[in-house]
Amino acid sequence: MGETQKRPFQLSFNSSLRVEFQGARVTSDGGLILVRELDERLGFGELIERHLTDGRGKNTQLPLTDLVRQSVYSRLAGYEDVNDAERLSQDPAFRLIGSEKVLERGAALTSRLQSFETELLTQAENLAGLAVLNRELAAKGETIASPRRVVLDMDSTEIPVYGRQEQGAYNGHFESTCYHPLLLFNGEGDCLVVKLRPGQAKLALIGLGLIS
């Protein structure tokens, strides 16, 4: 990490991994390794297996948890879509955050990740499972701090759409054709629930403070 520590930082998800800086071997997404450690301690992998359904059959190259992690971690690293998956499949950081299969073969390529996101994750049971998974993950994070005050912030946002997308509509406030979803956040900024709404839905700006 650039500084000498009395005790090495132990990574739970891979105890043989050592975090250090070497100029000859660089990835711009090395910070994802620490996110992966948080993922391990919060039990993200177990939540994926509990709440998401994999209907691909037994002969699959990459487990469901690897595909979910690659999809999530790509967004965390600032890659908005799957166009960079081809390059990231061999990136050292993305290979380390997955299973042994990913470490040996590399992460999913663009076509595989795209079909996973648009076909498998969009199934009704998985959409419901993602909502439950998100709430349970946020709840696990909140138990670490054990707050006595719970703050909920409800707000809306603009998601521009192009072409004739179902329920996309012109919104005078944003001056664009968009979706106008409603989002609920906790006091730490974690998104707890998202409700997709058509573009002409009214604004919502509400702050709630609840004392336990």
C-alpha atoms as a PDB file:
ATOM      1  CA  MET A   1       0.000   0.000   0.000  1.00  0.00           C
ATOM      2  CA  GLY A   2       3.079   2.287  -0.081  1.00  0.00           C
ATOM      3  CA  GLU A   3       3.695   2.318   3.674  1.00  0.00           C
ATOM      4  CA  THR A   4       5.317  -0.307   5.883  1.00  0.00           C
ATOM      5  CA  GLN A   5       2.850  -1.816   8.348  1.00  0.00           C
ATOM      6  CA  LYS A   6       3.633  -3.756  11.498  1.00  0.00           C
ATOM      7  CA  ARG A   7       1.089  -6.377  10.503  1.00  0.00           C
ATOM      8  CA  PRO A   8       0.158  -7.336   6.933  1.00  0.00           C
ATOM      9  CA  PHE A   9      -3.401  -6.678   5.843  1.00  0.00           C
ATOM     10  CA  GLN A  10      -5.089 -10.086   5.743  1.00  0.00           C
ATOM     11  CA  LEU A  11      -7.673 -10.608   3.008  1.00  0.00           C
ATOM     12  CA  SER A  12     -10.423 -13.010   4.011  1.00  0.00           C
ATOM     13  CA  PHE A  13     -11.512 -13.953   0.489  1.00  0.00           C
ATOM     14  CA  ASN A  14      -7.964 -14.948  -0.536  1.00  0.00           C
ATOM     15  CA  SER A  15      -5.475 -15.372   2.310  1.00  0.00           C
ATOM     16  CA  SER A  16      -2.575 -15.920  -0.095  1.00  0.00           C
ATOM     17  CA  LEU A  17      -3.024 -12.490  -1.686  1.00  0.00           C
ATOM     18  CA  ARG A  18      -0.630  -9.710  -0.668  1.00  0.00           C
ATOM     19  CA  VAL A  19      -1.525  -6.081  -1.269  1.00  0.00           C
ATOM     20  CA  GLU A  20       1.454  -3.985  -2.407  1.00  0.00           C
ATOM     21  CA  PHE A  21       2.578  -1.613  -5.148  1.00  0.00           C
ATOM     22  CA  GLN A  22       4.862  -2.720  -7.934  1.00  0.00           C
ATOM     23  CA  GLY A  23       5.409  -0.333 -10.807  1.00  0.00           C
ATOM     24  CA  ALA A  24       6.081  -3.171 -13.247  1.00  0.00           C
ATOM     25  CA  ARG A  25       2.651  -4.762 -12.697  1.00  0.00           C
ATOM     26  CA  VAL A  26      -0.088  -2.155 -12.558  1.00  0.00           C
ATOM     27  CA  THR A  27      -3.872  -2.154 -12.795  1.00  0.00           C
ATOM     28  CA  SER A  28      -5.860   1.053 -12.561  1.00  0.00           C
ATOM     29  CA  ASP A  29      -8.594  -0.830 -10.670  1.00  0.00           C
ATOM     30  CA  GLY A  30      -6.521  -2.177  -7.777  1.00  0.00           C
ATOM     31  CA  GLY A  31      -8.862  -0.549  -5.251  1.00  0.00           C
ATOM     32  CA  LEU A  32     -11.489  -3.142  -6.140  1.00  0.00           C
ATOM     33  CA  ILE A  33      -9.499  -5.698  -4.137  1.00  0.00           C
ATOM     34  CA  LEU A  34     -10.430  -3.891  -0.913  1.00  0.00           C
ATOM     35  CA  VAL A  35     -14.044  -3.667  -2.050  1.00  0.00           C
ATOM     36  CA  ARG A  36     -13.902  -7.426  -2.633  1.00  0.00           C
ATOM     37  CA  GLU A  37     -12.741  -7.849   0.957  1.00  0.00           C
ATOM     38  CA  LEU A  38     -15.754  -5.877   2.197  1.00  0.00           C
ATOM     39  CA  ASP A  39     -17.909  -7.999  -0.116  1.00  0.00           C
ATOM     40  CA  GLU A  40     -16.550 -11.133   1.595  1.00  0.00           C
ATOM     41  CA  ARG A  41     -17.125  -9.874   5.122  1.00  0.00           C
ATOM     42  CA  LEU A  42     -20.687  -8.809   4.355  1.00  0.00           C
ATOM     43  CA  GLY A  43     -21.463 -12.182   2.766  1.00  0.00           C
ATOM     44  CA  PHE A  44     -22.335 -10.832  -0.693  1.00  0.00           C
ATOM     45  CA  GLY A  45     -21.628 -14.193  -2.359  1.00  0.00           C
ATOM     46  CA  GLU A  46     -24.006 -16.034  -0.027  1.00  0.00           C
ATOM     47  CA  LEU A  47     -26.737 -13.479  -0.684  1.00  0.00           C
ATOM     48  CA  ILE A  48     -26.319 -13.947  -4.450  1.00  0.00           C
ATOM     49  CA  GLU A  49     -26.712 -17.720  -4.130  1.00  0.00           C
ATOM     50  CA  ARG A  50     -29.696 -17.341  -1.785  1.00  0.00           C
ATOM     51  CA  HIS A  51     -31.757 -14.826  -3.743  1.00  0.00           C
ATOM     52  CA  LEU A  52     -30.840 -15.218  -7.431  1.00  0.00           C
ATOM     53  CA  THR A  53     -31.762 -18.123  -9.700  1.00  0.00           C
ATOM     54  CA  ASP A  54     -29.439 -19.526 -12.343  1.00  0.00           C
ATOM     55  CA  GLY A  55     -31.421 -21.254 -15.090  1.00  0.00           C
ATOM     56  CA  ARG A  56     -28.480 -21.898 -17.424  1.00  0.00           C
ATOM     57  CA  GLY A  57     -28.038 -25.549 -16.481  1.00  0.00           C
ATOM     58  CA  LYS A  58     -24.941 -27.305 -15.161  1.00  0.00           C
ATOM     59  CA  ASN A  59     -22.561 -26.853 -18.108  1.00  0.00           C
ATOM     60  CA  THR A  60     -21.616 -23.223 -17.473  1.00  0.00           C
ATOM     61  CA  GLN A  61     -18.153 -21.708 -17.791  1.00  0.00           C
ATOM     62  CA  LEU A  62     -18.582 -19.095 -15.051  1.00  0.00           C
ATOM     63  CA  PRO A  63     -20.647 -19.341 -11.837  1.00  0.00           C
ATOM     64  CA  LEU A  64     -23.523 -16.942 -11.236  1.00  0.00           C
ATOM     65  CA  THR A  65     -21.623 -15.178  -8.441  1.00  0.00           C
ATOM     66  CA  ASP A  66     -18.723 -14.378 -10.801  1.00  0.00           C
ATOM     67  CA  LEU A  67     -21.037 -12.814 -13.363  1.00  0.00           C
ATOM     68  CA  VAL A  68     -22.867 -10.739 -10.751  1.00  0.00           C
ATOM     69  CA  ARG A  69     -19.598  -9.531  -9.253  1.00  0.00           C
ATOM     70  CA  GLN A  70     -18.171  -8.625 -12.661  1.00  0.00           C
ATOM     71  CA  SER A  71     -21.320  -6.674 -13.514  1.00  0.00           C
ATOM     72  CA  VAL A  72     -21.349  -4.813 -10.173  1.00  0.00           C
ATOM     73  CA  TYR A  73     -17.622  -4.195  -9.941  1.00  0.00           C
ATOM     74  CA  SER A  74     -17.471  -2.867 -13.510  1.00  0.00           C
ATOM     75  CA  ARG A  75     -19.915  -0.118 -12.533  1.00  0.00           C
ATOM     76  CA  LEU A  76     -18.032   0.583  -9.309  1.00  0.00           C
ATOM     77  CA  ALA A  77     -14.883   1.104 -11.385  1.00  0.00           C
ATOM     78  CA  GLY A  78     -16.676   3.566 -13.658  1.00  0.00           C
ATOM     79  CA  TYR A  79     -17.402   1.351 -16.676  1.00  0.00           C
ATOM     80  CA  GLU A  80     -21.020   2.230 -17.489  1.00  0.00           C
ATOM     81  CA  ASP A  81     -21.748  -0.647 -19.865  1.00  0.00           C
ATOM     82  CA  VAL A  82     -20.310  -3.975 -21.003  1.00  0.00           C
ATOM     83  CA  ASN A  83     -18.247  -2.568 -23.887  1.00  0.00           C
ATOM     84  CA  ASP A  84     -15.058  -2.784 -21.806  1.00  0.00           C
ATOM     85  CA  ALA A  85     -15.610  -6.401 -20.719  1.00  0.00           C
ATOM     86  CA  GLU A  86     -13.291  -7.748 -23.419  1.00  0.00           C
ATOM     87  CA  ARG A  87     -10.342  -5.796 -22.022  1.00  0.00           C
ATOM     88  CA  LEU A  88     -11.308  -6.199 -18.371  1.00  0.00           C
ATOM     89  CA  SER A  89     -11.565  -9.977 -18.722  1.00  0.00           C
ATOM     90  CA  GLN A  90      -7.756 -10.164 -18.461  1.00  0.00           C
ATOM     91  CA  ASP A  91      -7.262  -7.264 -16.047  1.00  0.00           C
ATOM     92  CA  PRO A  92      -5.388  -8.451 -12.897  1.00  0.00           C
ATOM     93  CA  ALA A  93      -7.897  -6.857 -10.507  1.00  0.00           C
ATOM     94  CA  PHE A  94     -10.957  -8.350 -12.199  1.00  0.00           C
ATOM     95  CA  ARG A  95      -9.353 -11.786 -12.306  1.00  0.00           C
ATOM     96  CA  LEU A  96      -8.553 -11.661  -8.594  1.00  0.00           C
ATOM     97  CA  ILE A  97     -12.059 -10.707  -7.437  1.00  0.00           C
ATOM     98  CA  GLY A  98     -13.613 -13.841  -8.955  1.00  0.00           C
ATOM     99  CA  SER A  99     -13.400 -17.575  -8.388  1.00  0.00           C
ATOM    100  CA  GLU A 100     -10.523 -19.848  -9.383  1.00  0.00           C
ATOM    101  CA  LYS A 101     -12.103 -20.229 -12.839  1.00  0.00           C
ATOM    102  CA  VAL A 102     -11.856 -16.487 -13.397  1.00  0.00           C
ATOM    103  CA  LEU A 103      -8.292 -16.401 -12.090  1.00  0.00           C
ATOM    104  CA  GLU A 104      -7.269 -19.133 -14.525  1.00  0.00           C
ATOM    105  CA  ARG A 105      -9.348 -18.277 -17.614  1.00  0.00           C
ATOM    106  CA  GLY A 106     -10.268 -14.627 -17.205  1.00  0.00           C
ATOM    107  CA  ALA A 107     -13.614 -12.919 -16.610  1.00  0.00           C
ATOM    108  CA  ALA A 108     -16.620 -12.949 -18.952  1.00  0.00           C
ATOM    109  CA  LEU A 109     -16.342 -11.384 -22.402  1.00  0.00           C
ATOM    110  CA  THR A 110     -18.727  -8.724 -23.696  1.00  0.00           C
ATOM    111  CA  SER A 111     -21.258 -11.057 -25.370  1.00  0.00           C
ATOM    112  CA  ARG A 112     -21.552 -13.358 -22.346  1.00  0.00           C
ATOM    113  CA  LEU A 113     -21.887 -10.535 -19.831  1.00  0.00           C
ATOM    114  CA  GLN A 114     -24.433  -8.762 -22.006  1.00  0.00           C
ATOM    115  CA  SER A 115     -26.662 -11.827 -22.339  1.00  0.00           C
ATOM    116  CA  PHE A 116     -26.367 -12.393 -18.581  1.00  0.00           C
ATOM    117  CA  GLU A 117     -27.549  -8.857 -17.787  1.00  0.00           C
ATOM    118  CA  THR A 118     -30.315  -8.645 -20.399  1.00  0.00           C
ATOM    119  CA  GLU A 119     -31.680 -12.202 -20.278  1.00  0.00           C
ATOM    120  CA  LEU A 120     -30.897 -13.877 -16.947  1.00  0.00           C
ATOM    121  CA  LEU A 121     -30.971 -10.932 -14.521  1.00  0.00           C
ATOM    122  CA  THR A 122     -34.147  -9.482 -16.055  1.00  0.00           C
ATOM    123  CA  GLN A 123     -36.228 -12.569 -15.269  1.00  0.00           C
ATOM    124  CA  ALA A 124     -39.042 -11.735 -12.837  1.00  0.00           C
ATOM    125  CA  GLU A 125     -37.704 -13.882  -9.981  1.00  0.00           C
ATOM    126  CA  ASN A 126     -34.243 -12.372 -10.286  1.00  0.00           C
ATOM    127  CA  LEU A 127     -35.529  -8.791 -10.372  1.00  0.00           C
ATOM    128  CA  ALA A 128     -37.362  -9.505  -7.115  1.00  0.00           C
ATOM    129  CA  GLY A 129     -34.278 -11.288  -5.765  1.00  0.00           C
ATOM    130  CA  LEU A 130     -32.031  -8.322  -6.558  1.00  0.00           C
ATOM    131  CA  ALA A 131     -34.315  -6.018  -4.558  1.00  0.00           C
ATOM    132  CA  VAL A 132     -34.192  -8.329  -1.511  1.00  0.00           C
ATOM    133  CA  LEU A 133     -30.429  -8.834  -1.898  1.00  0.00           C
ATOM    134  CA  ASN A 134     -29.871  -5.079  -1.959  1.00  0.00           C
ATOM    135  CA  ARG A 135     -31.900  -4.491   1.211  1.00  0.00           C
ATOM    136  CA  GLU A 136     -30.184  -7.303   3.119  1.00  0.00           C
ATOM    137  CA  LEU A 137     -26.730  -6.109   2.064  1.00  0.00           C
ATOM    138  CA  ALA A 138     -27.487  -2.570   3.233  1.00  0.00           C
ATOM    139  CA  ALA A 139     -28.884  -3.929   6.507  1.00  0.00           C
ATOM    140  CA  LYS A 140     -25.673  -5.870   7.157  1.00  0.00           C
ATOM    141  CA  GLY A 141     -23.644  -2.715   6.648  1.00  0.00           C
ATOM    142  CA  GLU A 142     -25.866  -0.772   9.022  1.00  0.00           C
ATOM    143  CA  THR A 143     -25.449  -3.312  11.841  1.00  0.00           C
ATOM    144  CA  ILE A 144     -21.716  -2.530  11.930  1.00  0.00           C
ATOM    145  CA  ALA A 145     -22.351   1.042  13.110  1.00  0.00           C
ATOM    146  CA  SER A 146     -25.586   0.188  15.024  1.00  0.00           C
ATOM    147  CA  PRO A 147     -27.111   3.667  14.602  1.00  0.00           C
ATOM    148  CA  ARG A 148     -29.830   4.876  16.985  1.00  0.00           C
ATOM    149  CA  ARG A 149     -31.167   7.278  14.387  1.00  0.00           C
ATOM    150  CA  VAL A 150     -32.325   6.078  10.974  1.00  0.00           C
ATOM    151  CA  VAL A 151     -32.483   8.634   8.169  1.00  0.00           C
ATOM    152  CA  LEU A 152     -34.361   7.904   4.955  1.00  0.00           C
ATOM    153  CA  ASP A 153     -34.163  10.176   1.935  1.00  0.00           C
ATOM    154  CA  MET A 154     -36.623   9.753  -0.935  1.00  0.00           C
ATOM    155  CA  ASP A 155     -35.856  11.477  -4.203  1.00  0.00           C
ATOM    156  CA  SER A 156     -36.433  11.175  -7.928  1.00  0.00           C
ATOM    157  CA  THR A 157     -33.975  11.314 -10.791  1.00  0.00           C
ATOM    158  CA  GLU A 158     -33.822  11.509 -14.579  1.00  0.00           C
ATOM    159  CA  ILE A 159     -32.793   8.632 -16.841  1.00  0.00           C
ATOM    160  CA  PRO A 160     -32.766   9.914 -20.451  1.00  0.00           C
ATOM    161  CA  VAL A 161     -34.127   7.538 -23.095  1.00  0.00           C
ATOM    162  CA  TYR A 162     -33.587   7.504 -26.838  1.00  0.00           C
ATOM    163  CA  GLY A 163     -35.922   6.266 -29.508  1.00  0.00           C
ATOM    164  CA  ARG A 164     -39.404   4.992 -28.694  1.00  0.00           C
ATOM    165  CA  GLN A 165     -38.832   3.334 -25.334  1.00  0.00           C
ATOM    166  CA  GLU A 166     -41.886   2.015 -23.501  1.00  0.00           C
ATOM    167  CA  GLN A 167     -43.100   4.544 -20.872  1.00  0.00           C
ATOM    168  CA  GLY A 168     -40.425   7.039 -21.864  1.00  0.00           C
ATOM    169  CA  ALA A 169     -42.030  10.507 -21.918  1.00  0.00           C
ATOM    170  CA  TYR A 170     -41.115  14.176 -22.022  1.00  0.00           C
ATOM    171  CA  ASN A 171     -40.571  15.746 -18.590  1.00  0.00           C
ATOM    172  CA  GLY A 172     -40.839  19.541 -18.449  1.00  0.00           C
ATOM    173  CA  HIS A 173     -38.705  19.859 -15.311  1.00  0.00           C
ATOM    174  CA  PHE A 174     -35.710  18.058 -16.835  1.00  0.00           C
ATOM    175  CA  GLU A 175     -36.567  19.240 -20.363  1.00  0.00           C
ATOM    176  CA  SER A 176     -35.856  15.784 -21.775  1.00  0.00           C
ATOM    177  CA  THR A 177     -37.530  12.525 -22.749  1.00  0.00           C
ATOM    178  CA  CYS A 178     -36.762  10.175 -19.904  1.00  0.00           C
ATOM    179  CA  TYR A 179     -37.798   7.734 -17.225  1.00  0.00           C
ATOM    180  CA  HIS A 180     -38.431   9.353 -13.842  1.00  0.00           C
ATOM    181  CA  PRO A 181     -37.667   6.688 -11.185  1.00  0.00           C
ATOM    182  CA  LEU A 182     -38.167   7.121  -7.457  1.00  0.00           C
ATOM    183  CA  LEU A 183     -35.274   6.164  -5.142  1.00  0.00           C
ATOM    184  CA  LEU A 184     -35.006   5.624  -1.390  1.00  0.00           C
ATOM    185  CA  PHE A 185     -31.632   6.103   0.349  1.00  0.00           C
ATOM    186  CA  ASN A 186     -30.477   5.606   3.934  1.00  0.00           C
ATOM    187  CA  GLY A 187     -28.317   8.083   5.846  1.00  0.00           C
ATOM    188  CA  GLU A 188     -25.114   6.527   4.465  1.00  0.00           C
ATOM    189  CA  GLY A 189     -26.175   7.125   0.870  1.00  0.00           C
ATOM    190  CA  ASP A 190     -26.990   3.462   0.150  1.00  0.00           C
ATOM    191  CA  CYS A 191     -29.881   2.980  -2.270  1.00  0.00           C
ATOM    192  CA  LEU A 192     -32.477   0.742  -0.599  1.00  0.00           C
ATOM    193  CA  VAL A 193     -35.308   0.656  -3.146  1.00  0.00           C
ATOM    194  CA  VAL A 194     -35.847   1.887  -6.706  1.00  0.00           C
ATOM    195  CA  LYS A 195     -39.254   2.220  -8.377  1.00  0.00           C
ATOM    196  CA  LEU A 196     -39.144   2.708 -12.153  1.00  0.00           C
ATOM    197  CA  ARG A 197     -41.743   5.273 -13.299  1.00  0.00           C
ATOM    198  CA  PRO A 198     -42.707   6.831 -16.639  1.00  0.00           C
ATOM    199  CA  GLY A 199     -41.122  10.121 -17.613  1.00  0.00           C
ATOM    200  CA  GLN A 200     -44.154  12.289 -16.890  1.00  0.00           C
ATOM    201  CA  ALA A 201     -44.457  11.135 -13.254  1.00  0.00           C
ATOM    202  CA  LYS A 202     -44.477  14.003 -10.755  1.00  0.00           C
ATOM    203  CA  LEU A 203     -41.441  15.057  -8.732  1.00  0.00           C
ATOM    204  CA  ALA A 204     -40.870  13.660  -5.251  1.00  0.00           C
ATOM    205  CA  LEU A 205     -38.519  15.230  -2.719  1.00  0.00           C
ATOM    206  CA  ILE A 206     -39.012  13.925   0.798  1.00  0.00           C
ATOM    207  CA  GLY A 207     -36.687  13.544   3.783  1.00  0.00           C
ATOM    208  CA  LEU A 208     -37.635  11.344   6.740  1.00  0.00           C
ATOM    209  CA  GLY A 209     -35.954  10.970  10.126  1.00  0.00           C
ATOM    210  CA  LEU A 210     -36.942   8.049  12.331  1.00  0.00           C
ATOM    211  CA  ILE A 211     -35.790   7.505  15.926  1.00  0.00           C
ATOM    212  CA  SER A 212     -35.515   3.854  16.989  1.00  0.00           C
END
